[in-house]
């Protein structure tokens, strides 16, 4: 079991930056690929970024490439999402998730591939 808690969400102006954190407990994140998803009002939850269990691989949805960076700190058992050059369309609830398989080779974007989810952090970007 992996328990995840997100933090760092807030209201920010367009062009600004935020860093979301996802603190894990119950298991070490070094055993799982980790992902960030987001859900805007009235829309489906969508993949944003993922990082491999060994930290060597990352994946991003095209809309955030070059602006967002996912990273992990195994010593703190925490995953981060650094978000720069924020746009109003980035407004959403952001969720951290852990892969349903330990040590999987290859990053996944589908929600069903992730078994453990945090409660979400709200990010609002004003124009």
N, C-alpha and C. Protein backbone atom coordinates (compact mmCIF):
# COMPACT_ATOMS: atom_id res chain seq x y z
N UNK A 1 0.83 -1.19 0.00
CA UNK A 1 0.00 0.00 0.00
C UNK A 1 0.87 1.26 0.00
N UNK A 2 0.44 2.23 -0.77
CA UNK A 2 1.13 3.52 -0.85
C UNK A 2 0.13 4.61 -0.54
N UNK A 3 0.44 5.41 0.46
CA UNK A 3 -0.41 6.55 0.81
C UNK A 3 0.26 7.82 0.30
N UNK A 4 -0.49 8.63 -0.44
CA UNK A 4 0.07 9.81 -1.10
C UNK A 4 -0.66 11.08 -0.66
N UNK A 5 0.09 12.12 -0.40
CA UNK A 5 -0.49 13.40 0.00
C UNK A 5 0.17 14.51 -0.79
N UNK A 6 -0.65 15.24 -1.57
CA UNK A 6 -0.14 16.34 -2.37
C UNK A 6 -0.19 17.64 -1.58
N UNK A 7 0.67 18.57 -1.93
CA UNK A 7 0.64 19.91 -1.35
C UNK A 7 1.28 20.88 -2.35
N UNK A 8 1.06 22.17 -2.10
CA UNK A 8 1.67 23.19 -2.93
C UNK A 8 0.74 23.89 -3.91
N UNK A 9 -0.48 23.43 -3.99
CA UNK A 9 -1.40 24.08 -4.91
C UNK A 9 -1.87 25.43 -4.38
N UNK A 10 -2.03 26.39 -5.28
CA UNK A 10 -2.52 27.71 -4.89
C UNK A 10 -2.90 28.50 -6.13
N UNK A 11 -3.35 29.73 -5.90
CA UNK A 11 -3.69 30.65 -6.99
C UNK A 11 -2.43 31.40 -7.41
N UNK A 12 -2.18 31.44 -8.71
CA UNK A 12 -1.00 32.11 -9.23
C UNK A 12 -1.36 32.83 -10.52
N UNK A 13 -0.64 33.87 -10.84
CA UNK A 13 -0.88 34.60 -12.09
C UNK A 13 -0.25 33.87 -13.26
N UNK A 14 -0.81 34.09 -14.42
CA UNK A 14 -0.25 33.51 -15.64
C UNK A 14 1.21 33.94 -15.78
N UNK A 15 2.05 32.99 -16.18
CA UNK A 15 3.48 33.25 -16.30
C UNK A 15 4.25 32.90 -15.04
N UNK A 16 3.55 32.65 -13.97
CA UNK A 16 4.19 32.34 -12.70
C UNK A 16 4.58 30.87 -12.59
N UNK A 17 5.10 30.52 -11.41
CA UNK A 17 5.58 29.17 -11.16
C UNK A 17 5.02 28.61 -9.86
N UNK A 18 4.91 27.30 -9.81
CA UNK A 18 4.51 26.59 -8.60
C UNK A 18 5.26 25.28 -8.56
N UNK A 19 5.50 24.78 -7.35
CA UNK A 19 6.03 23.43 -7.21
C UNK A 19 5.07 22.62 -6.34
N UNK A 20 4.56 21.56 -6.93
CA UNK A 20 3.72 20.63 -6.19
C UNK A 20 4.59 19.53 -5.60
N UNK A 21 4.22 19.10 -4.40
CA UNK A 21 4.91 18.00 -3.75
C UNK A 21 3.93 16.86 -3.51
N UNK A 22 4.45 15.66 -3.53
CA UNK A 22 3.66 14.46 -3.26
C UNK A 22 4.45 13.61 -2.28
N UNK A 23 4.04 13.62 -1.03
CA UNK A 23 4.73 12.85 0.01
C UNK A 23 4.11 11.46 0.11
N UNK A 24 4.97 10.45 0.06
CA UNK A 24 4.50 9.07 0.10
C UNK A 24 4.80 8.44 1.45
N UNK A 25 3.95 7.53 1.86
CA UNK A 25 4.18 6.73 3.05
C UNK A 25 3.61 5.34 2.83
N UNK A 26 4.03 4.41 3.65
CA UNK A 26 3.56 3.03 3.51
C UNK A 26 4.45 2.19 2.63
N UNK A 27 5.16 2.84 1.73
CA UNK A 27 6.11 2.14 0.86
C UNK A 27 7.04 3.19 0.27
N UNK A 28 8.16 2.74 -0.24
CA UNK A 28 9.12 3.66 -0.81
C UNK A 28 8.83 3.91 -2.28
N UNK A 29 8.92 5.18 -2.70
CA UNK A 29 8.64 5.52 -4.10
C UNK A 29 9.70 4.95 -5.03
N UNK A 30 10.85 4.56 -4.50
CA UNK A 30 11.90 4.01 -5.35
C UNK A 30 11.50 2.65 -5.93
N UNK A 31 10.37 2.12 -5.51
CA UNK A 31 9.89 0.85 -6.04
C UNK A 31 8.82 1.04 -7.12
N UNK A 32 8.35 2.28 -7.29
CA UNK A 32 7.22 2.53 -8.19
C UNK A 32 7.50 3.64 -9.19
N UNK A 33 7.00 3.45 -10.41
CA UNK A 33 6.88 4.60 -11.30
C UNK A 33 5.80 5.51 -10.72
N UNK A 34 6.04 6.83 -10.80
CA UNK A 34 5.10 7.78 -10.22
C UNK A 34 4.60 8.73 -11.30
N UNK A 35 3.34 9.15 -11.16
CA UNK A 35 2.77 10.03 -12.16
C UNK A 35 2.02 11.19 -11.55
N UNK A 36 1.87 12.22 -12.36
CA UNK A 36 1.00 13.35 -12.03
C UNK A 36 -0.10 13.42 -13.09
N UNK A 37 -1.32 13.61 -12.62
CA UNK A 37 -2.48 13.78 -13.48
C UNK A 37 -3.17 15.08 -13.07
N UNK A 38 -4.06 15.57 -13.93
CA UNK A 38 -4.84 16.74 -13.56
C UNK A 38 -6.24 16.61 -14.11
N UNK A 39 -7.16 17.28 -13.42
CA UNK A 39 -8.56 17.26 -13.83
C UNK A 39 -9.13 18.66 -13.71
N UNK A 40 -9.47 19.22 -14.85
CA UNK A 40 -10.11 20.54 -14.89
C UNK A 40 -11.61 20.37 -14.71
N UNK A 41 -12.30 21.41 -14.26
CA UNK A 41 -13.75 21.30 -14.06
C UNK A 41 -14.47 20.86 -15.33
N UNK A 42 -15.28 19.83 -15.21
CA UNK A 42 -16.05 19.34 -16.33
C UNK A 42 -15.29 18.51 -17.33
N UNK A 43 -14.03 18.19 -17.02
CA UNK A 43 -13.21 17.42 -17.95
C UNK A 43 -12.73 16.12 -17.33
N UNK A 44 -12.25 15.24 -18.19
CA UNK A 44 -11.68 13.98 -17.72
C UNK A 44 -10.31 14.23 -17.07
N UNK A 45 -9.95 13.33 -16.16
CA UNK A 45 -8.62 13.39 -15.58
C UNK A 45 -7.61 12.98 -16.65
N UNK A 46 -6.57 13.78 -16.81
CA UNK A 46 -5.60 13.52 -17.87
C UNK A 46 -4.18 13.39 -17.31
N UNK A 47 -3.40 12.62 -18.04
CA UNK A 47 -1.99 12.44 -17.71
C UNK A 47 -1.22 13.73 -17.92
N UNK A 48 -0.28 14.02 -17.00
CA UNK A 48 0.57 15.19 -17.13
C UNK A 48 2.04 14.78 -17.27
N UNK A 49 2.51 13.96 -16.33
CA UNK A 49 3.93 13.60 -16.34
C UNK A 49 4.13 12.32 -15.53
N UNK A 50 5.24 11.63 -15.80
CA UNK A 50 5.58 10.43 -15.04
C UNK A 50 7.09 10.33 -14.92
N UNK A 51 7.53 9.64 -13.87
CA UNK A 51 8.95 9.40 -13.66
C UNK A 51 9.13 7.95 -13.27
N UNK A 52 10.20 7.34 -13.77
CA UNK A 52 10.42 5.93 -13.49
C UNK A 52 10.90 5.72 -12.06
N UNK A 53 10.76 4.46 -11.59
CA UNK A 53 11.10 4.14 -10.21
C UNK A 53 12.57 4.41 -9.91
N UNK A 54 13.43 4.33 -10.94
CA UNK A 54 14.86 4.58 -10.73
C UNK A 54 15.26 6.02 -11.08
N UNK A 55 14.27 6.84 -11.44
CA UNK A 55 14.53 8.24 -11.73
C UNK A 55 15.18 8.52 -13.06
N UNK A 56 15.39 7.47 -13.86
CA UNK A 56 16.14 7.65 -15.10
C UNK A 56 15.26 8.01 -16.29
N UNK A 57 13.97 7.81 -16.17
CA UNK A 57 13.09 8.09 -17.28
C UNK A 57 11.96 9.01 -16.90
N UNK A 58 11.58 9.89 -17.82
CA UNK A 58 10.44 10.78 -17.61
C UNK A 58 9.60 10.83 -18.87
N UNK A 59 8.36 11.23 -18.70
CA UNK A 59 7.44 11.36 -19.81
C UNK A 59 6.51 12.53 -19.52
N UNK A 60 6.17 13.30 -20.55
CA UNK A 60 5.32 14.47 -20.38
C UNK A 60 4.29 14.53 -21.50
N UNK A 61 3.12 15.02 -21.17
CA UNK A 61 2.15 15.33 -22.20
C UNK A 61 2.66 16.54 -22.97
N UNK A 62 2.37 16.60 -24.24
CA UNK A 62 2.93 17.65 -25.10
C UNK A 62 2.65 19.05 -24.58
N UNK A 63 1.50 19.27 -24.00
CA UNK A 63 1.09 20.61 -23.59
C UNK A 63 1.94 21.19 -22.45
N UNK A 64 2.69 20.34 -21.76
CA UNK A 64 3.51 20.85 -20.64
C UNK A 64 5.00 20.69 -20.89
N UNK A 65 5.38 20.06 -21.98
CA UNK A 65 6.80 19.87 -22.27
C UNK A 65 7.52 21.21 -22.34
N UNK A 66 8.67 21.28 -21.68
CA UNK A 66 9.44 22.51 -21.66
C UNK A 66 9.02 23.47 -20.56
N UNK A 67 7.87 23.20 -19.93
CA UNK A 67 7.39 24.08 -18.85
C UNK A 67 7.35 23.37 -17.50
N UNK A 68 7.01 22.09 -17.50
CA UNK A 68 6.90 21.31 -16.27
C UNK A 68 8.05 20.32 -16.16
N UNK A 69 8.48 20.06 -14.92
CA UNK A 69 9.53 19.08 -14.67
C UNK A 69 9.13 18.20 -13.50
N UNK A 70 9.14 16.90 -13.72
CA UNK A 70 8.86 15.95 -12.65
C UNK A 70 10.19 15.45 -12.10
N UNK A 71 10.25 15.31 -10.77
CA UNK A 71 11.47 14.81 -10.15
C UNK A 71 11.09 14.03 -8.89
N UNK A 72 12.05 13.32 -8.36
CA UNK A 72 11.80 12.56 -7.14
C UNK A 72 13.00 12.65 -6.21
N UNK A 73 12.72 12.57 -4.93
CA UNK A 73 13.75 12.57 -3.89
C UNK A 73 13.49 11.35 -3.02
N UNK A 74 14.25 10.30 -3.25
CA UNK A 74 14.02 9.05 -2.52
C UNK A 74 14.27 9.20 -1.03
N UNK A 75 15.22 10.04 -0.67
CA UNK A 75 15.52 10.25 0.76
C UNK A 75 14.32 10.84 1.49
N UNK A 76 13.55 11.67 0.79
CA UNK A 76 12.36 12.28 1.39
C UNK A 76 11.09 11.53 1.01
N UNK A 77 11.24 10.50 0.17
CA UNK A 77 10.09 9.73 -0.31
C UNK A 77 9.02 10.65 -0.90
N UNK A 78 9.47 11.57 -1.71
CA UNK A 78 8.60 12.62 -2.25
C UNK A 78 8.85 12.81 -3.75
N UNK A 79 7.76 13.04 -4.46
CA UNK A 79 7.81 13.36 -5.88
C UNK A 79 7.37 14.81 -6.04
N UNK A 80 7.98 15.50 -7.00
CA UNK A 80 7.68 16.91 -7.22
C UNK A 80 7.22 17.15 -8.65
N UNK A 81 6.47 18.21 -8.82
CA UNK A 81 6.14 18.70 -10.15
C UNK A 81 6.39 20.20 -10.15
N UNK A 82 7.49 20.60 -10.78
CA UNK A 82 7.81 22.00 -10.93
C UNK A 82 7.10 22.53 -12.16
N UNK A 83 6.29 23.55 -11.97
CA UNK A 83 5.49 24.10 -13.06
C UNK A 83 5.88 25.54 -13.30
N UNK A 84 6.41 25.82 -14.47
CA UNK A 84 6.82 27.17 -14.85
C UNK A 84 5.97 27.68 -16.01
N UNK A 85 6.03 28.97 -16.23
CA UNK A 85 5.28 29.60 -17.33
C UNK A 85 3.84 29.13 -17.35
N UNK A 86 3.21 29.18 -16.21
CA UNK A 86 1.84 28.67 -16.07
C UNK A 86 0.86 29.46 -16.92
N UNK A 87 -0.14 28.75 -17.44
CA UNK A 87 -1.17 29.34 -18.28
C UNK A 87 -2.53 29.10 -17.63
N UNK A 88 -3.51 29.91 -17.95
CA UNK A 88 -4.85 29.70 -17.40
C UNK A 88 -5.39 28.29 -17.68
N UNK A 89 -5.01 27.71 -18.81
CA UNK A 89 -5.48 26.36 -19.14
C UNK A 89 -4.82 25.27 -18.29
N UNK A 90 -3.84 25.65 -17.46
CA UNK A 90 -3.26 24.69 -16.51
C UNK A 90 -4.10 24.59 -15.23
N UNK A 91 -5.11 25.42 -15.12
CA UNK A 91 -5.98 25.38 -13.94
C UNK A 91 -6.66 24.03 -13.83
N UNK A 92 -6.49 23.37 -12.68
CA UNK A 92 -7.04 22.03 -12.47
C UNK A 92 -6.71 21.55 -11.06
N UNK A 93 -7.33 20.44 -10.69
CA UNK A 93 -6.88 19.70 -9.51
C UNK A 93 -5.80 18.74 -9.98
N UNK A 94 -4.68 18.74 -9.30
CA UNK A 94 -3.54 17.91 -9.68
C UNK A 94 -3.42 16.75 -8.69
N UNK A 95 -3.27 15.55 -9.28
CA UNK A 95 -3.22 14.32 -8.49
C UNK A 95 -1.90 13.59 -8.72
N UNK A 96 -1.34 13.12 -7.63
CA UNK A 96 -0.17 12.26 -7.67
C UNK A 96 -0.65 10.81 -7.65
N UNK A 97 0.08 9.93 -8.34
CA UNK A 97 -0.33 8.53 -8.39
C UNK A 97 0.88 7.62 -8.48
N UNK A 98 0.73 6.41 -7.95
CA UNK A 98 1.78 5.39 -8.01
C UNK A 98 1.31 4.23 -8.87
N UNK A 99 2.22 3.75 -9.69
CA UNK A 99 1.94 2.63 -10.60
C UNK A 99 1.41 1.42 -9.82
N UNK A 100 0.53 0.67 -10.45
CA UNK A 100 -0.02 -0.51 -9.78
C UNK A 100 0.97 -1.65 -9.70
N UNK A 101 2.07 -1.57 -10.50
CA UNK A 101 3.09 -2.61 -10.48
C UNK A 101 4.40 -2.05 -9.95
N UNK A 102 5.06 -2.80 -9.08
CA UNK A 102 6.37 -2.40 -8.60
C UNK A 102 7.42 -2.64 -9.67
N UNK A 103 8.32 -1.68 -9.81
CA UNK A 103 9.48 -1.88 -10.66
C UNK A 103 9.18 -2.08 -12.13
N UNK A 104 8.03 -1.60 -12.59
CA UNK A 104 7.65 -1.78 -14.00
C UNK A 104 8.66 -1.12 -14.91
N UNK A 105 8.96 -1.78 -16.01
CA UNK A 105 9.82 -1.19 -17.04
C UNK A 105 8.92 -0.50 -18.05
N UNK A 106 9.11 0.81 -18.18
CA UNK A 106 8.28 1.56 -19.11
C UNK A 106 7.23 2.37 -18.37
N UNK A 107 7.10 3.64 -18.75
CA UNK A 107 6.14 4.53 -18.11
C UNK A 107 4.78 4.44 -18.79
N UNK A 108 3.74 4.59 -18.01
CA UNK A 108 2.38 4.50 -18.52
C UNK A 108 1.64 5.82 -18.36
N UNK A 109 0.69 6.05 -19.24
CA UNK A 109 -0.13 7.26 -19.19
C UNK A 109 -1.59 6.97 -18.82
N UNK A 110 -2.00 5.75 -18.90
CA UNK A 110 -3.40 5.42 -18.62
C UNK A 110 -3.68 5.41 -17.13
N UNK A 111 -4.82 5.98 -16.75
CA UNK A 111 -5.18 6.05 -15.33
C UNK A 111 -5.27 4.66 -14.68
N UNK A 112 -5.75 3.67 -15.42
CA UNK A 112 -5.95 2.36 -14.82
C UNK A 112 -4.63 1.66 -14.48
N UNK A 113 -3.53 2.21 -15.00
CA UNK A 113 -2.22 1.63 -14.67
C UNK A 113 -1.71 2.12 -13.31
N UNK A 114 -2.43 3.02 -12.70
CA UNK A 114 -2.03 3.58 -11.41
C UNK A 114 -3.03 3.15 -10.35
N UNK A 115 -2.53 2.56 -9.27
CA UNK A 115 -3.42 1.99 -8.25
C UNK A 115 -3.58 2.87 -7.03
N UNK A 116 -2.65 3.77 -6.81
CA UNK A 116 -2.66 4.57 -5.58
C UNK A 116 -2.70 6.05 -5.95
N UNK A 117 -3.61 6.77 -5.31
CA UNK A 117 -3.85 8.17 -5.66
C UNK A 117 -3.88 9.05 -4.42
N UNK A 118 -3.41 10.28 -4.56
CA UNK A 118 -3.56 11.26 -3.52
C UNK A 118 -4.92 11.93 -3.60
N UNK A 119 -5.15 12.88 -2.71
CA UNK A 119 -6.45 13.53 -2.63
C UNK A 119 -6.56 14.73 -3.57
N UNK A 120 -5.43 15.17 -4.11
CA UNK A 120 -5.43 16.27 -5.07
C UNK A 120 -5.01 17.59 -4.47
N UNK A 121 -4.44 18.44 -5.32
CA UNK A 121 -4.04 19.79 -4.94
C UNK A 121 -4.59 20.74 -6.01
N UNK A 122 -5.25 21.80 -5.56
CA UNK A 122 -5.89 22.72 -6.50
C UNK A 122 -4.92 23.79 -6.98
N UNK A 123 -4.83 23.90 -8.28
CA UNK A 123 -3.99 24.93 -8.91
C UNK A 123 -4.89 25.82 -9.75
N UNK A 124 -4.84 27.10 -9.48
CA UNK A 124 -5.63 28.07 -10.25
C UNK A 124 -4.70 29.11 -10.84
N UNK A 125 -4.80 29.32 -12.14
CA UNK A 125 -3.94 30.28 -12.83
C UNK A 125 -4.82 31.37 -13.40
N UNK A 126 -4.61 32.59 -12.94
CA UNK A 126 -5.41 33.72 -13.40
C UNK A 126 -4.73 34.39 -14.58
N UNK A 127 -5.55 34.93 -15.48
CA UNK A 127 -5.02 35.59 -16.68
C UNK A 127 -4.73 37.06 -16.42
